[in-house]
Amino acid sequence: MQDLGRSPAGSAEIAKRFVAARRAAVALDSFPGPLPASVDGAYAVQDEAIRQWGAPVVGWKVALIHPDLRPAYGGAERLVGPVFAGTLVEARGEAVAAPVIEGGFAAIEAEFAVRLGADLPARDAPYGLDDVTQAVDDLFLAVEVASNPLAVINDLGPAAIISGFGNNAGVILGPAVRGWRDAPLEALATRVVVDGATVGEGSAAKVPGGPLGALFFAANCLSARGVGLKTGDIVSTGASTGIHPVRPGMEAIVSCGAAGDIRLSVTRAVGEG
């Protein structure tokens, strides 16, 4: 079967519809075209969507692919999506707005984000874990704002998620994590409270290999696509407590004992113009 998502025309049209819906902050009723049949086809859509969106990419999100779905997508264990300039926000104590598309997919995730202190350019040879570890400047508590015009994007699986900006609408960067280089992953415990109720607890151990394992994947996945990571880039490394659905009007607190808290208010995304 031809993977229509890999054809230039197919990729461009799917990307165009995702970009238009995201700019207008309106929901989509269904996937905007033929669902790519492969990871490569889905990344072709993502590459085109990045080009059409036009804003600089200042980081990436990493997420696990469910083990049952990996054989259908070449065994890939994770996926990546872009974080654009303007959607990476630093939390400074006060509540931070987390805009989501009403009627689309909307959730928050407690994550750990690495900041790079050195470039990891695209290259022919794969990166080793030591290579990426040495490139890390620091680790931060973070919140991924997972929002997309397509409400059923997660139900459709990895190809849909990759195509739709990685189902990422932004990253809120919180306090630096104290002592993370020497701490066991289980000690980096996280908690998510939404509207006063605890909805998730976990730790950095929830992500296989921890934050550095996720960065290792991202560096090699991006390098294989001819994309490098740059000094100062942020990589949000995966959900540590699960995926927590939200809607505009909700308040949340994401906390880590080794870092502190991030407070956020879920708001309705407003379209451009």
Protein backbone atom coordinates (compact mmCIF):
# COMPACT_ATOMS: atom_id res chain seq x y z
CA MET A 1 0.00 0.00 0.00
CA GLN A 2 1.26 3.46 -0.88
CA ASP A 3 1.87 5.65 2.15
CA LEU A 4 0.14 8.82 0.99
CA GLY A 5 1.53 10.72 3.96
CA ARG A 6 5.00 10.37 2.42
CA SER A 7 4.07 11.98 -0.92
CA PRO A 8 4.88 15.70 -1.04
CA ALA A 9 1.32 16.57 -2.04
CA GLY A 10 -0.24 14.34 0.64
CA SER A 11 2.06 15.60 3.39
CA ALA A 12 1.51 19.23 2.44
CA GLU A 13 -2.27 18.98 2.41
CA ILE A 14 -2.52 17.17 5.77
CA ALA A 15 -0.08 19.66 7.30
CA LYS A 16 -1.99 22.60 5.81
CA ARG A 17 -5.22 21.49 7.50
CA PHE A 18 -3.53 20.90 10.86
CA VAL A 19 -1.79 24.27 10.68
CA ALA A 20 -5.00 26.11 9.72
CA ALA A 21 -6.97 24.51 12.55
CA ARG A 22 -4.23 25.28 15.08
CA ARG A 23 -3.95 28.90 13.93
CA ALA A 24 -7.71 29.34 14.21
CA ALA A 25 -7.86 27.32 17.48
CA VAL A 26 -10.79 25.29 16.14
CA ALA A 27 -11.46 21.57 16.47
CA LEU A 28 -11.24 19.03 13.65
CA ASP A 29 -13.91 16.36 13.26
CA SER A 30 -11.51 13.77 11.82
CA PHE A 31 -7.93 13.26 10.73
CA PRO A 32 -7.39 15.71 7.88
CA GLY A 33 -6.54 13.26 5.12
CA PRO A 34 -5.25 9.68 4.74
CA LEU A 35 -3.59 8.51 7.96
CA PRO A 36 0.10 7.85 7.22
CA ALA A 37 0.89 4.15 7.27
CA SER A 38 4.41 4.53 8.66
CA VAL A 39 6.52 6.57 11.02
CA ASP A 40 8.42 8.01 8.05
CA GLY A 41 5.17 9.13 6.44
CA ALA A 42 4.03 10.75 9.68
CA TYR A 43 7.33 12.61 10.13
CA ALA A 44 7.05 13.84 6.54
CA VAL A 45 3.77 15.49 7.57
CA GLN A 46 5.38 16.88 10.73
CA ASP A 47 8.32 18.31 8.78
CA GLU A 48 5.94 20.04 6.40
CA ALA A 49 3.80 21.36 9.27
CA ILE A 50 6.91 22.81 10.92
CA ARG A 51 7.81 24.51 7.65
CA GLN A 52 4.31 25.92 7.22
CA TRP A 53 4.01 27.07 10.84
CA GLY A 54 7.12 29.16 10.38
CA ALA A 55 8.13 29.85 14.01
CA PRO A 56 11.55 28.70 15.24
CA VAL A 57 11.69 25.31 16.95
CA VAL A 58 13.17 25.83 20.43
CA GLY A 59 12.79 22.29 21.70
CA TRP A 60 11.10 18.91 21.36
CA LYS A 61 8.74 16.67 23.29
CA VAL A 62 9.29 12.93 23.59
CA ALA A 63 6.54 10.39 24.27
CA LEU A 64 6.34 6.63 24.50
CA ILE A 65 4.56 4.54 21.88
CA HIS A 66 2.42 1.82 23.45
CA PRO A 67 4.28 -1.53 23.19
CA ASP A 68 1.34 -3.18 21.41
CA LEU A 69 1.54 -0.59 18.61
CA ARG A 70 5.30 -0.63 18.05
CA PRO A 71 5.46 -3.57 15.59
CA ALA A 72 3.13 -1.75 13.19
CA TYR A 73 5.47 1.26 13.20
CA GLY A 74 8.82 -0.39 12.63
CA GLY A 75 9.45 -1.08 16.31
CA ALA A 76 9.81 2.59 17.25
CA GLU A 77 9.49 2.87 21.03
CA ARG A 78 8.97 6.65 21.21
CA LEU A 79 8.08 9.65 19.10
CA VAL A 80 9.02 13.31 19.02
CA GLY A 81 7.21 16.56 18.28
CA PRO A 82 8.29 20.20 17.99
CA VAL A 83 8.07 22.91 20.64
CA PHE A 84 7.79 26.30 18.95
CA ALA A 85 9.03 29.70 20.07
CA GLY A 86 6.22 31.40 21.92
CA THR A 87 4.93 28.13 23.40
CA LEU A 88 7.89 27.54 25.74
CA VAL A 89 7.07 29.46 28.92
CA GLU A 90 9.02 29.77 32.17
CA ALA A 91 7.05 29.48 35.41
CA ARG A 92 8.14 32.10 37.94
CA GLY A 93 5.89 31.36 40.90
CA GLU A 94 2.60 32.80 39.70
CA ALA A 95 0.08 30.67 37.80
CA VAL A 96 0.96 30.25 34.13
CA ALA A 97 -1.72 30.15 31.44
CA ALA A 98 -1.99 26.84 29.58
CA PRO A 99 -4.11 27.44 26.45
CA VAL A 100 -5.91 24.42 24.97
CA ILE A 101 -8.17 24.09 21.95
CA GLU A 102 -11.77 23.80 23.06
CA GLY A 103 -13.41 20.77 21.49
CA GLY A 104 -10.04 19.25 20.61
CA PHE A 105 -7.66 17.16 22.68
CA ALA A 106 -6.55 18.78 25.94
CA ALA A 107 -4.37 17.33 28.70
CA ILE A 108 -1.40 18.15 30.90
CA GLU A 109 1.56 15.95 31.76
CA ALA A 110 4.15 16.24 34.54
CA GLU A 111 7.52 15.84 32.89
CA PHE A 112 11.22 16.49 33.30
CA ALA A 113 12.90 18.65 30.67
CA VAL A 114 16.59 18.76 29.85
CA ARG A 115 18.32 21.91 28.64
CA LEU A 116 21.25 21.39 26.31
CA GLY A 117 24.57 23.03 27.04
CA ALA A 118 26.15 21.84 23.77
CA ASP A 119 25.04 21.12 20.22
CA LEU A 120 24.05 17.64 19.10
CA PRO A 121 24.11 18.13 15.32
CA ALA A 122 22.73 15.73 12.76
CA ARG A 123 25.41 13.21 11.78
CA ASP A 124 25.87 9.81 10.16
CA ALA A 125 27.04 7.96 13.29
CA PRO A 126 24.45 7.31 16.01
CA TYR A 127 24.83 9.12 19.32
CA GLY A 128 25.72 7.13 22.41
CA LEU A 129 24.25 7.69 25.85
CA ASP A 130 27.51 9.26 27.03
CA ASP A 131 27.40 11.73 24.13
CA VAL A 132 23.98 13.05 25.06
CA THR A 133 24.67 12.99 28.81
CA GLN A 134 27.69 15.23 28.36
CA ALA A 135 25.60 17.69 26.33
CA VAL A 136 23.06 18.28 29.14
CA ASP A 137 23.28 21.58 30.97
CA ASP A 138 20.50 21.05 33.53
CA LEU A 139 17.22 19.29 34.32
CA PHE A 140 13.92 21.03 35.14
CA LEU A 141 10.47 20.12 36.32
CA ALA A 142 8.12 20.80 33.40
CA VAL A 143 4.55 20.52 32.21
CA GLU A 144 3.71 19.49 28.69
CA VAL A 145 0.51 21.12 27.47
CA ALA A 146 -0.84 18.44 25.16
CA SER A 147 -3.50 19.98 22.96
CA ASN A 148 -4.53 19.43 19.36
CA PRO A 149 -7.46 20.34 17.13
CA LEU A 150 -8.26 16.61 16.81
CA ALA A 151 -9.94 15.29 19.96
CA VAL A 152 -9.32 11.62 19.05
CA ILE A 153 -5.66 12.07 18.11
CA ASN A 154 -4.35 9.68 20.79
CA ASP A 155 -6.96 7.07 19.87
CA LEU A 156 -5.68 7.03 16.27
CA GLY A 157 -2.17 6.14 17.38
CA PRO A 158 1.42 7.21 16.70
CA ALA A 159 1.01 8.26 13.05
CA ALA A 160 -1.70 10.74 13.96
CA ILE A 161 0.21 12.06 16.97
CA ILE A 162 3.44 12.56 15.02
CA SER A 163 1.58 14.24 12.16
CA GLY A 164 -0.28 16.62 14.47
CA PHE A 165 2.74 18.46 15.90
CA GLY A 166 3.40 15.53 18.25
CA ASN A 167 0.19 16.53 20.07
CA ASN A 168 2.12 19.37 21.71
CA ALA A 169 0.85 22.90 22.31
CA GLY A 170 3.65 24.04 24.58
CA VAL A 171 5.95 23.34 27.51
CA ILE A 172 5.95 25.16 30.85
CA LEU A 173 9.45 25.11 32.29
CA GLY A 174 9.60 25.06 36.08
CA PRO A 175 12.36 25.02 38.71
CA ALA A 176 15.66 23.21 38.26
CA VAL A 177 15.83 19.77 39.88
CA ARG A 178 18.33 19.67 42.71
CA GLY A 179 20.88 16.85 42.78
CA TRP A 180 19.40 15.06 39.79
CA ARG A 181 22.68 13.72 38.43
CA ASP A 182 23.28 11.60 41.56
CA ALA A 183 19.69 10.79 42.53
CA PRO A 184 17.96 7.49 41.69
CA LEU A 185 15.10 8.04 39.25
CA GLU A 186 12.57 6.88 41.85
CA ALA A 187 13.65 9.73 44.13
CA LEU A 188 12.54 12.32 41.58
CA ALA A 189 8.89 11.97 42.58
CA THR A 190 6.11 13.97 40.93
CA ARG A 191 2.49 14.75 41.70
CA VAL A 192 -0.32 16.38 39.73
CA VAL A 193 -3.30 18.08 41.41
CA VAL A 194 -6.20 19.36 39.30
CA ASP A 195 -8.89 21.50 40.92
CA GLY A 196 -7.72 20.36 44.36
CA ALA A 197 -7.76 16.61 43.65
CA THR A 198 -4.67 14.47 43.14
CA VAL A 199 -4.94 12.90 39.69
CA GLY A 200 -1.50 11.36 39.36
CA GLU A 201 1.68 10.44 41.20
CA GLY A 202 4.88 9.03 39.80
CA SER A 203 8.56 9.69 39.26
CA ALA A 204 11.25 10.02 36.63
CA ALA A 205 11.42 6.20 36.65
CA LYS A 206 8.07 6.13 34.82
CA VAL A 207 10.00 6.91 31.63
CA PRO A 208 12.28 4.03 30.56
CA GLY A 209 15.87 5.13 30.99
CA GLY A 210 14.69 8.33 32.66
CA PRO A 211 15.18 11.76 31.11
CA LEU A 212 18.54 10.84 29.62
CA GLY A 213 17.07 7.77 27.92
CA ALA A 214 14.44 9.97 26.30
CA LEU A 215 17.08 12.49 25.20
CA PHE A 216 19.14 9.65 23.72
CA PHE A 217 16.15 8.62 21.62
CA ALA A 218 15.36 12.19 20.56
CA ALA A 219 18.93 12.96 19.49
CA ASN A 220 19.10 9.89 17.26
CA CYS A 221 15.55 10.17 15.91
CA LEU A 222 16.15 13.78 14.92
CA SER A 223 19.64 13.13 13.57
CA ALA A 224 18.22 10.43 11.28
CA ARG A 225 15.85 13.11 9.92
CA GLY A 226 18.72 15.51 9.31
CA VAL A 227 17.76 17.66 12.30
CA GLY A 228 20.19 18.67 15.02
CA LEU A 229 19.69 19.77 18.61
CA LYS A 230 21.19 23.13 19.55
CA THR A 231 22.67 24.64 22.69
CA GLY A 232 19.79 26.01 24.75
CA ASP A 233 17.18 23.67 23.28
CA ILE A 234 14.71 22.10 25.70
CA VAL A 235 13.68 18.45 25.43
CA SER A 236 10.65 17.46 27.50
CA THR A 237 11.17 13.78 28.15
CA GLY A 238 7.81 12.09 28.77
CA ALA A 239 4.93 11.77 31.19
CA SER A 240 5.96 10.85 34.74
CA THR A 241 2.43 10.48 36.18
CA GLY A 242 0.28 9.80 33.12
CA ILE A 243 -1.87 11.91 30.82
CA HIS A 244 -4.41 14.08 32.63
CA PRO A 245 -7.36 15.48 30.64
CA VAL A 246 -8.22 19.10 31.35
CA ARG A 247 -10.57 21.79 30.09
CA PRO A 248 -10.59 25.59 30.21
CA GLY A 249 -11.23 26.96 33.69
CA MET A 250 -9.33 24.26 35.55
CA GLU A 251 -6.40 25.00 37.88
CA ALA A 252 -3.50 22.61 38.38
CA ILE A 253 -0.34 22.18 40.45
CA VAL A 254 2.53 19.99 39.27
CA SER A 255 5.14 19.34 41.95
CA CYS A 256 8.45 17.58 42.55
CA GLY A 257 10.11 17.52 45.95
CA ALA A 258 13.55 17.99 44.39
CA ALA A 259 12.42 21.08 42.47
CA GLY A 260 9.23 22.76 43.67
CA ASP A 261 5.88 23.52 42.08
CA ILE A 262 4.44 24.70 38.80
CA ARG A 263 1.02 26.34 39.04
CA LEU A 264 -1.07 26.68 35.93
CA SER A 265 -4.49 27.84 34.79
CA VAL A 266 -6.05 26.07 31.81
CA THR A 267 -7.44 28.63 29.37
CA ARG A 268 -9.21 28.52 26.01
CA ALA A 269 -6.83 29.00 23.09
CA VAL A 270 -7.76 31.95 20.90
CA GLY A 271 -7.19 31.90 17.17
CA GLU A 272 -4.92 34.33 15.39
CA GLY A 273 -6.47 37.50 14.02
